[in-house]
Amino acid sequence: MAATSSQRVSSDRVGLHTLLRNATQAQHERLNRHVLLAGLLHPDYSLANYRLLLQVLYRLYSALERRLAEFAAGPVAGFDYA
């Protein structure tokens, strides 16, 4: 029995997810050991570290969102963020 279009898309997504997870595993492990992230879930995580982490993440995501907005405004045929 032939796979339907939705089955092919689903298996492609799983494949891409696995590929992406495997390709970025080392970076994620390194981030998890970073001083600002390592203790985040511990009750003694300092307010100062939490503030610093939020500042760092704000700078990162505000720059990323600007670039994504530029990309979305460009000539990207068939790409819908909605």
PDB file of N, CA and C in Angstrom:
ATOM      1  N   MET A   1       0.831  -1.167   0.000  1.00  0.00           N
ATOM      2  CA  MET A   1       0.000   0.000   0.000  1.00  0.00           C
ATOM      3  C   MET A   1       0.889   1.250   0.000  1.00  0.00           C
ATOM      4  N   ALA A   2       0.586   2.209  -0.859  1.00  0.00           N
ATOM      5  CA  ALA A   2       1.389   3.417  -0.996  1.00  0.00           C
ATOM      6  C   ALA A   2       1.097   4.379   0.148  1.00  0.00           C
ATOM      7  N   ALA A   3       2.128   5.105   0.555  1.00  0.00           N
ATOM      8  CA  ALA A   3       1.965   6.105   1.619  1.00  0.00           C
ATOM      9  C   ALA A   3       1.212   7.310   1.075  1.00  0.00           C
ATOM     10  N   THR A   4       0.348   7.860   1.898  1.00  0.00           N
ATOM     11  CA  THR A   4      -0.371   9.060   1.497  1.00  0.00           C
ATOM     12  C   THR A   4       0.547  10.260   1.640  1.00  0.00           C
ATOM     13  N   SER A   5       0.125  11.381   1.075  1.00  0.00           N
ATOM     14  CA  SER A   5       0.907  12.612   1.161  1.00  0.00           C
ATOM     15  C   SER A   5       1.151  13.009   2.606  1.00  0.00           C
ATOM     16  N   SER A   6       0.111  12.923   3.465  1.00  0.00           N
ATOM     17  CA  SER A   6       0.278  13.316   4.869  1.00  0.00           C
ATOM     18  C   SER A   6       1.223  12.375   5.605  1.00  0.00           C
ATOM     19  N   GLN A   7       1.242  11.100   5.236  1.00  0.00           N
ATOM     20  CA  GLN A   7       2.173  10.167   5.875  1.00  0.00           C
ATOM     21  C   GLN A   7       3.608  10.497   5.493  1.00  0.00           C
ATOM     22  N   ARG A   8       3.817  10.854   4.226  1.00  0.00           N
ATOM     23  CA  ARG A   8       5.169  11.217   3.792  1.00  0.00           C
ATOM     24  C   ARG A   8       5.636  12.476   4.514  1.00  0.00           C
ATOM     25  N   VAL A   9       4.776  13.476   4.626  1.00  0.00           N
ATOM     26  CA  VAL A   9       5.137  14.709   5.329  1.00  0.00           C
ATOM     27  C   VAL A   9       5.458  14.401   6.774  1.00  0.00           C
ATOM     28  N   SER A  10       4.640  13.587   7.420  1.00  0.00           N
ATOM     29  CA  SER A  10       4.863  13.238   8.814  1.00  0.00           C
ATOM     30  C   SER A  10       6.211  12.551   8.995  1.00  0.00           C
ATOM     31  N   SER A  11       6.531  11.589   8.143  1.00  0.00           N
ATOM     32  CA  SER A  11       7.802  10.889   8.289  1.00  0.00           C
ATOM     33  C   SER A  11       8.968  11.815   7.965  1.00  0.00           C
ATOM     34  N   ASP A  12       8.775  12.767   7.033  1.00  0.00           N
ATOM     35  CA  ASP A  12       9.818  13.737   6.739  1.00  0.00           C
ATOM     36  C   ASP A  12      10.078  14.623   7.949  1.00  0.00           C
ATOM     37  N   ARG A  13       9.017  15.033   8.635  1.00  0.00           N
ATOM     38  CA  ARG A  13       9.176  15.874   9.823  1.00  0.00           C
ATOM     39  C   ARG A  13       9.909  15.132  10.919  1.00  0.00           C
ATOM     40  N   VAL A  14       9.557  13.893  11.117  1.00  0.00           N
ATOM     41  CA  VAL A  14      10.247  13.101  12.139  1.00  0.00           C
ATOM     42  C   VAL A  14      11.718  12.979  11.771  1.00  0.00           C
ATOM     43  N   GLY A  15      11.994  12.733  10.511  1.00  0.00           N
ATOM     44  CA  GLY A  15      13.375  12.626  10.064  1.00  0.00           C
ATOM     45  C   GLY A  15      14.139  13.922  10.261  1.00  0.00           C
ATOM     46  N   LEU A  16      13.510  15.033   9.921  1.00  0.00           N
ATOM     47  CA  LEU A  16      14.147  16.329  10.084  1.00  0.00           C
ATOM     48  C   LEU A  16      14.356  16.640  11.565  1.00  0.00           C
ATOM     49  N   HIS A  17      13.345  16.327  12.376  1.00  0.00           N
ATOM     50  CA  HIS A  17      13.461  16.550  13.823  1.00  0.00           C
ATOM     51  C   HIS A  17      14.637  15.769  14.383  1.00  0.00           C
ATOM     52  N   THR A  18      14.747  14.518  14.007  1.00  0.00           N
ATOM     53  CA  THR A  18      15.833  13.668  14.495  1.00  0.00           C
ATOM     54  C   THR A  18      17.180  14.199  14.012  1.00  0.00           C
ATOM     55  N   LEU A  19      17.235  14.589  12.751  1.00  0.00           N
ATOM     56  CA  LEU A  19      18.469  15.125  12.191  1.00  0.00           C
ATOM     57  C   LEU A  19      18.888  16.399  12.920  1.00  0.00           C
ATOM     58  N   LEU A  20      17.951  17.291  13.137  1.00  0.00           N
ATOM     59  CA  LEU A  20      18.242  18.539  13.828  1.00  0.00           C
ATOM     60  C   LEU A  20      18.651  18.301  15.276  1.00  0.00           C
ATOM     61  N   ARG A  21      17.933  17.409  15.961  1.00  0.00           N
ATOM     62  CA  ARG A  21      18.271  17.099  17.356  1.00  0.00           C
ATOM     63  C   ARG A  21      19.687  16.528  17.451  1.00  0.00           C
ATOM     64  N   ASN A  22      20.010  15.601  16.575  1.00  0.00           N
ATOM     65  CA  ASN A  22      21.331  14.989  16.614  1.00  0.00           C
ATOM     66  C   ASN A  22      22.434  15.984  16.255  1.00  0.00           C
ATOM     67  N   ALA A  23      22.144  16.868  15.302  1.00  0.00           N
ATOM     68  CA  ALA A  23      23.147  17.836  14.856  1.00  0.00           C
ATOM     69  C   ALA A  23      23.424  18.909  15.906  1.00  0.00           C
ATOM     70  N   THR A  24      22.466  19.170  16.793  1.00  0.00           N
ATOM     71  CA  THR A  24      22.632  20.246  17.781  1.00  0.00           C
ATOM     72  C   THR A  24      22.779  19.735  19.211  1.00  0.00           C
ATOM     73  N   GLN A  25      22.895  18.445  19.375  1.00  0.00           N
ATOM     74  CA  GLN A  25      22.949  17.870  20.720  1.00  0.00           C
ATOM     75  C   GLN A  25      24.125  18.409  21.533  1.00  0.00           C
ATOM     76  N   ALA A  26      25.288  18.479  20.938  1.00  0.00           N
ATOM     77  CA  ALA A  26      26.468  18.956  21.682  1.00  0.00           C
ATOM     78  C   ALA A  26      26.291  20.404  22.136  1.00  0.00           C
ATOM     79  N   GLN A  27      25.720  21.237  21.268  1.00  0.00           N
ATOM     80  CA  GLN A  27      25.495  22.633  21.633  1.00  0.00           C
ATOM     81  C   GLN A  27      24.494  22.752  22.778  1.00  0.00           C
ATOM     82  N   HIS A  28      23.439  21.941  22.745  1.00  0.00           N
ATOM     83  CA  HIS A  28      22.450  21.972  23.820  1.00  0.00           C
ATOM     84  C   HIS A  28      23.056  21.503  25.145  1.00  0.00           C
ATOM     85  N   GLU A  29      23.858  20.478  25.093  1.00  0.00           N
ATOM     86  CA  GLU A  29      24.505  19.994  26.312  1.00  0.00           C
ATOM     87  C   GLU A  29      25.438  21.060  26.885  1.00  0.00           C
ATOM     88  N   ARG A  30      26.162  21.748  26.007  1.00  0.00           N
ATOM     89  CA  ARG A  30      27.053  22.819  26.458  1.00  0.00           C
ATOM     90  C   ARG A  30      26.254  23.963  27.077  1.00  0.00           C
ATOM     91  N   LEU A  31      25.138  24.336  26.459  1.00  0.00           N
ATOM     92  CA  LEU A  31      24.284  25.380  27.020  1.00  0.00           C
ATOM     93  C   LEU A  31      23.749  24.983  28.393  1.00  0.00           C
ATOM     94  N   ASN A  32      23.376  23.728  28.549  1.00  0.00           N
ATOM     95  CA  ASN A  32      22.839  23.262  29.831  1.00  0.00           C
ATOM     96  C   ASN A  32      23.862  23.348  30.951  1.00  0.00           C
ATOM     97  N   ARG A  33      25.139  23.390  30.613  1.00  0.00           N
ATOM     98  CA  ARG A  33      26.203  23.517  31.624  1.00  0.00           C
ATOM     99  C   ARG A  33      26.614  24.971  31.847  1.00  0.00           C
ATOM    100  N   HIS A  34      26.060  25.890  31.056  1.00  0.00           N
ATOM    101  CA  HIS A  34      26.415  27.311  31.194  1.00  0.00           C
ATOM    102  C   HIS A  34      26.013  27.805  32.577  1.00  0.00           C
ATOM    103  N   VAL A  35      26.823  28.679  33.153  1.00  0.00           N
ATOM    104  CA  VAL A  35      26.620  29.141  34.526  1.00  0.00           C
ATOM    105  C   VAL A  35      25.230  29.764  34.729  1.00  0.00           C
ATOM    106  N   LEU A  36      24.688  30.444  33.724  1.00  0.00           N
ATOM    107  CA  LEU A  36      23.382  31.076  33.886  1.00  0.00           C
ATOM    108  C   LEU A  36      22.221  30.099  33.729  1.00  0.00           C
ATOM    109  N   LEU A  37      22.460  28.947  33.133  1.00  0.00           N
ATOM    110  CA  LEU A  37      21.382  27.983  32.921  1.00  0.00           C
ATOM    111  C   LEU A  37      21.467  26.765  33.835  1.00  0.00           C
ATOM    112  N   ALA A  38      22.660  26.431  34.273  1.00  0.00           N
ATOM    113  CA  ALA A  38      22.861  25.188  35.018  1.00  0.00           C
ATOM    114  C   ALA A  38      22.007  25.105  36.276  1.00  0.00           C
ATOM    115  N   GLY A  39      21.879  26.178  37.018  1.00  0.00           N
ATOM    116  CA  GLY A  39      21.144  26.130  38.277  1.00  0.00           C
ATOM    117  C   GLY A  39      19.739  26.684  38.198  1.00  0.00           C
ATOM    118  N   LEU A  40      19.265  26.970  37.008  1.00  0.00           N
ATOM    119  CA  LEU A  40      17.987  27.660  36.834  1.00  0.00           C
ATOM    120  C   LEU A  40      16.829  26.997  37.577  1.00  0.00           C
ATOM    121  N   LEU A  41      16.783  25.703  37.621  1.00  0.00           N
ATOM    122  CA  LEU A  41      15.662  25.001  38.251  1.00  0.00           C
ATOM    123  C   LEU A  41      15.889  24.684  39.726  1.00  0.00           C
ATOM    124  N   HIS A  42      17.008  25.124  40.249  1.00  0.00           N
ATOM    125  CA  HIS A  42      17.287  24.881  41.668  1.00  0.00           C
ATOM    126  C   HIS A  42      16.695  26.009  42.523  1.00  0.00           C
ATOM    127  N   PRO A  43      16.211  25.696  43.704  1.00  0.00           N
ATOM    128  CA  PRO A  43      15.582  26.723  44.551  1.00  0.00           C
ATOM    129  C   PRO A  43      16.535  27.827  45.003  1.00  0.00           C
ATOM    130  N   ASP A  44      17.833  27.577  45.006  1.00  0.00           N
ATOM    131  CA  ASP A  44      18.778  28.605  45.455  1.00  0.00           C
ATOM    132  C   ASP A  44      19.351  29.434  44.300  1.00  0.00           C
ATOM    133  N   TYR A  45      18.744  29.336  43.110  1.00  0.00           N
ATOM    134  CA  TYR A  45      19.186  30.137  41.960  1.00  0.00           C
ATOM    135  C   TYR A  45      19.005  31.611  42.314  1.00  0.00           C
ATOM    136  N   SER A  46      20.052  32.389  42.149  1.00  0.00           N
ATOM    137  CA  SER A  46      20.009  33.778  42.623  1.00  0.00           C
ATOM    138  C   SER A  46      19.171  34.675  41.704  1.00  0.00           C
ATOM    139  N   LEU A  47      18.571  35.669  42.318  1.00  0.00           N
ATOM    140  CA  LEU A  47      17.791  36.653  41.580  1.00  0.00           C
ATOM    141  C   LEU A  47      18.693  37.419  40.617  1.00  0.00           C
ATOM    142  N   ALA A  48      19.913  37.677  41.012  1.00  0.00           N
ATOM    143  CA  ALA A  48      20.864  38.386  40.148  1.00  0.00           C
ATOM    144  C   ALA A  48      21.147  37.584  38.876  1.00  0.00           C
ATOM    145  N   ASN A  49      21.355  36.279  39.027  1.00  0.00           N
ATOM    146  CA  ASN A  49      21.585  35.440  37.848  1.00  0.00           C
ATOM    147  C   ASN A  49      20.338  35.377  36.966  1.00  0.00           C
ATOM    148  N   TYR A  50      19.168  35.327  37.588  1.00  0.00           N
ATOM    149  CA  TYR A  50      17.929  35.272  36.826  1.00  0.00           C
ATOM    150  C   TYR A  50      17.740  36.559  36.020  1.00  0.00           C
ATOM    151  N   ARG A  51      18.002  37.701  36.635  1.00  0.00           N
ATOM    152  CA  ARG A  51      17.909  38.981  35.917  1.00  0.00           C
ATOM    153  C   ARG A  51      18.876  39.018  34.747  1.00  0.00           C
ATOM    154  N   LEU A  52      20.103  38.581  34.987  1.00  0.00           N
ATOM    155  CA  LEU A  52      21.108  38.568  33.926  1.00  0.00           C
ATOM    156  C   LEU A  52      20.684  37.639  32.792  1.00  0.00           C
ATOM    157  N   LEU A  53      20.168  36.482  33.149  1.00  0.00           N
ATOM    158  CA  LEU A  53      19.702  35.539  32.136  1.00  0.00           C
ATOM    159  C   LEU A  53      18.592  36.150  31.290  1.00  0.00           C
ATOM    160  N   LEU A  54      17.632  36.817  31.928  1.00  0.00           N
ATOM    161  CA  LEU A  54      16.548  37.456  31.181  1.00  0.00           C
ATOM    162  C   LEU A  54      17.077  38.550  30.258  1.00  0.00           C
ATOM    163  N   GLN A  55      18.055  39.302  30.705  1.00  0.00           N
ATOM    164  CA  GLN A  55      18.650  40.347  29.867  1.00  0.00           C
ATOM    165  C   GLN A  55      19.335  39.741  28.644  1.00  0.00           C
ATOM    166  N   VAL A  56      20.072  38.672  28.862  1.00  0.00           N
ATOM    167  CA  VAL A  56      20.779  38.005  27.763  1.00  0.00           C
ATOM    168  C   VAL A  56      19.774  37.426  26.765  1.00  0.00           C
ATOM    169  N   LEU A  57      18.757  36.755  27.290  1.00  0.00           N
ATOM    170  CA  LEU A  57      17.762  36.154  26.398  1.00  0.00           C
ATOM    171  C   LEU A  57      16.966  37.209  25.643  1.00  0.00           C
ATOM    172  N   TYR A  58      16.690  38.342  26.296  1.00  0.00           N
ATOM    173  CA  TYR A  58      15.975  39.427  25.621  1.00  0.00           C
ATOM    174  C   TYR A  58      16.784  39.935  24.436  1.00  0.00           C
ATOM    175  N   ARG A  59      18.066  40.172  24.653  1.00  0.00           N
ATOM    176  CA  ARG A  59      18.921  40.648  23.553  1.00  0.00           C
ATOM    177  C   ARG A  59      18.971  39.633  22.423  1.00  0.00           C
ATOM    178  N   LEU A  60      19.103  38.372  22.768  1.00  0.00           N
ATOM    179  CA  LEU A  60      19.158  37.325  21.756  1.00  0.00           C
ATOM    180  C   LEU A  60      17.871  37.270  20.942  1.00  0.00           C
ATOM    181  N   TYR A  61      16.738  37.172  21.632  1.00  0.00           N
ATOM    182  CA  TYR A  61      15.471  36.994  20.923  1.00  0.00           C
ATOM    183  C   TYR A  61      14.990  38.254  20.225  1.00  0.00           C
ATOM    184  N   SER A  62      15.323  39.431  20.737  1.00  0.00           N
ATOM    185  CA  SER A  62      14.917  40.647  20.028  1.00  0.00           C
ATOM    186  C   SER A  62      15.671  40.759  18.704  1.00  0.00           C
ATOM    187  N   ALA A  63      16.944  40.400  18.692  1.00  0.00           N
ATOM    188  CA  ALA A  63      17.711  40.404  17.442  1.00  0.00           C
ATOM    189  C   ALA A  63      17.185  39.335  16.491  1.00  0.00           C
ATOM    190  N   LEU A  64      16.887  38.162  17.016  1.00  0.00           N
ATOM    191  CA  LEU A  64      16.356  37.082  16.184  1.00  0.00           C
ATOM    192  C   LEU A  64      15.005  37.453  15.589  1.00  0.00           C
ATOM    193  N   GLU A  65      14.140  38.036  16.387  1.00  0.00           N
ATOM    194  CA  GLU A  65      12.814  38.416  15.893  1.00  0.00           C
ATOM    195  C   GLU A  65      12.906  39.484  14.809  1.00  0.00           C
ATOM    196  N   ARG A  66      13.832  40.429  14.942  1.00  0.00           N
ATOM    197  CA  ARG A  66      14.027  41.437  13.890  1.00  0.00           C
ATOM    198  C   ARG A  66      14.420  40.775  12.579  1.00  0.00           C
ATOM    199  N   ARG A  67      15.354  39.842  12.658  1.00  0.00           N
ATOM    200  CA  ARG A  67      15.808  39.157  11.441  1.00  0.00           C
ATOM    201  C   ARG A  67      14.702  38.299  10.842  1.00  0.00           C
ATOM    202  N   LEU A  68      13.914  37.643  11.674  1.00  0.00           N
ATOM    203  CA  LEU A  68      12.801  36.841  11.163  1.00  0.00           C
ATOM    204  C   LEU A  68      11.755  37.723  10.497  1.00  0.00           C
ATOM    205  N   ALA A  69      11.508  38.902  11.054  1.00  0.00           N
ATOM    206  CA  ALA A  69      10.556  39.828  10.445  1.00  0.00           C
ATOM    207  C   ALA A  69      11.063  40.293   9.084  1.00  0.00           C
ATOM    208  N   GLU A  70      12.355  40.581   8.976  1.00  0.00           N
ATOM    209  CA  GLU A  70      12.941  40.956   7.682  1.00  0.00           C
ATOM    210  C   GLU A  70      12.795  39.819   6.678  1.00  0.00           C
ATOM    211  N   PHE A  71      13.066  38.612   7.128  1.00  0.00           N
ATOM    212  CA  PHE A  71      12.949  37.445   6.260  1.00  0.00           C
ATOM    213  C   PHE A  71      11.509  37.258   5.794  1.00  0.00           C
ATOM    214  N   ALA A  72      10.551  37.398   6.716  1.00  0.00           N
ATOM    215  CA  ALA A  72       9.157  37.195   6.386  1.00  0.00           C
ATOM    216  C   ALA A  72       8.648  38.271   5.420  1.00  0.00           C
ATOM    217  N   ALA A  73       9.206  39.465   5.495  1.00  0.00           N
ATOM    218  CA  ALA A  73       8.780  40.550   4.607  1.00  0.00           C
ATOM    219  C   ALA A  73       9.373  40.416   3.209  1.00  0.00           C
ATOM    220  N   GLY A  74      10.351  39.554   3.057  1.00  0.00           N
ATOM    221  CA  GLY A  74      11.013  39.377   1.767  1.00  0.00           C
ATOM    222  C   GLY A  74      10.225  38.479   0.824  1.00  0.00           C
ATOM    223  N   PRO A  75      10.781  38.239  -0.343  1.00  0.00           N
ATOM    224  CA  PRO A  75      10.096  37.448  -1.373  1.00  0.00           C
ATOM    225  C   PRO A  75      10.181  35.940  -1.124  1.00  0.00           C
ATOM    226  N   VAL A  76       9.465  35.480  -0.130  1.00  0.00           N
ATOM    227  CA  VAL A  76       9.475  34.064   0.199  1.00  0.00           C
ATOM    228  C   VAL A  76       8.159  33.456  -0.296  1.00  0.00           C
ATOM    229  N   ALA A  77       8.229  32.813  -1.420  1.00  0.00           N
ATOM    230  CA  ALA A  77       7.011  32.290  -2.041  1.00  0.00           C
ATOM    231  C   ALA A  77       6.451  31.117  -1.240  1.00  0.00           C
ATOM    232  N   GLY A  78       5.170  31.207  -0.913  1.00  0.00           N
ATOM    233  CA  GLY A  78       4.490  30.080  -0.288  1.00  0.00           C
ATOM    234  C   GLY A  78       4.794  29.872   1.179  1.00  0.00           C
ATOM    235  N   PHE A  79       5.441  30.804   1.829  1.00  0.00           N
ATOM    236  CA  PHE A  79       5.773  30.628   3.245  1.00  0.00           C
ATOM    237  C   PHE A  79       4.797  31.460   4.059  1.00  0.00           C
ATOM    238  N   ASP A  80       4.085  30.833   4.966  1.00  0.00           N
ATOM    239  CA  ASP A  80       3.058  31.525   5.742  1.00  0.00           C
ATOM    240  C   ASP A  80       3.309  31.312   7.225  1.00  0.00           C
ATOM    241  N   TYR A  81       3.553  32.393   7.955  1.00  0.00           N
ATOM    242  CA  TYR A  81       3.793  32.296   9.393  1.00  0.00           C
ATOM    243  C   TYR A  81       2.515  32.219  10.208  1.00  0.00           C
ATOM    244  N   ALA A  82       1.375  32.413   9.574  1.00  0.00           N
ATOM    245  CA  ALA A  82       0.090  32.456  10.300  1.00  0.00           C
ATOM    246  C   ALA A  82      -0.261  31.151  10.970  1.00  0.00           C
TER     247      ALA A  82
END
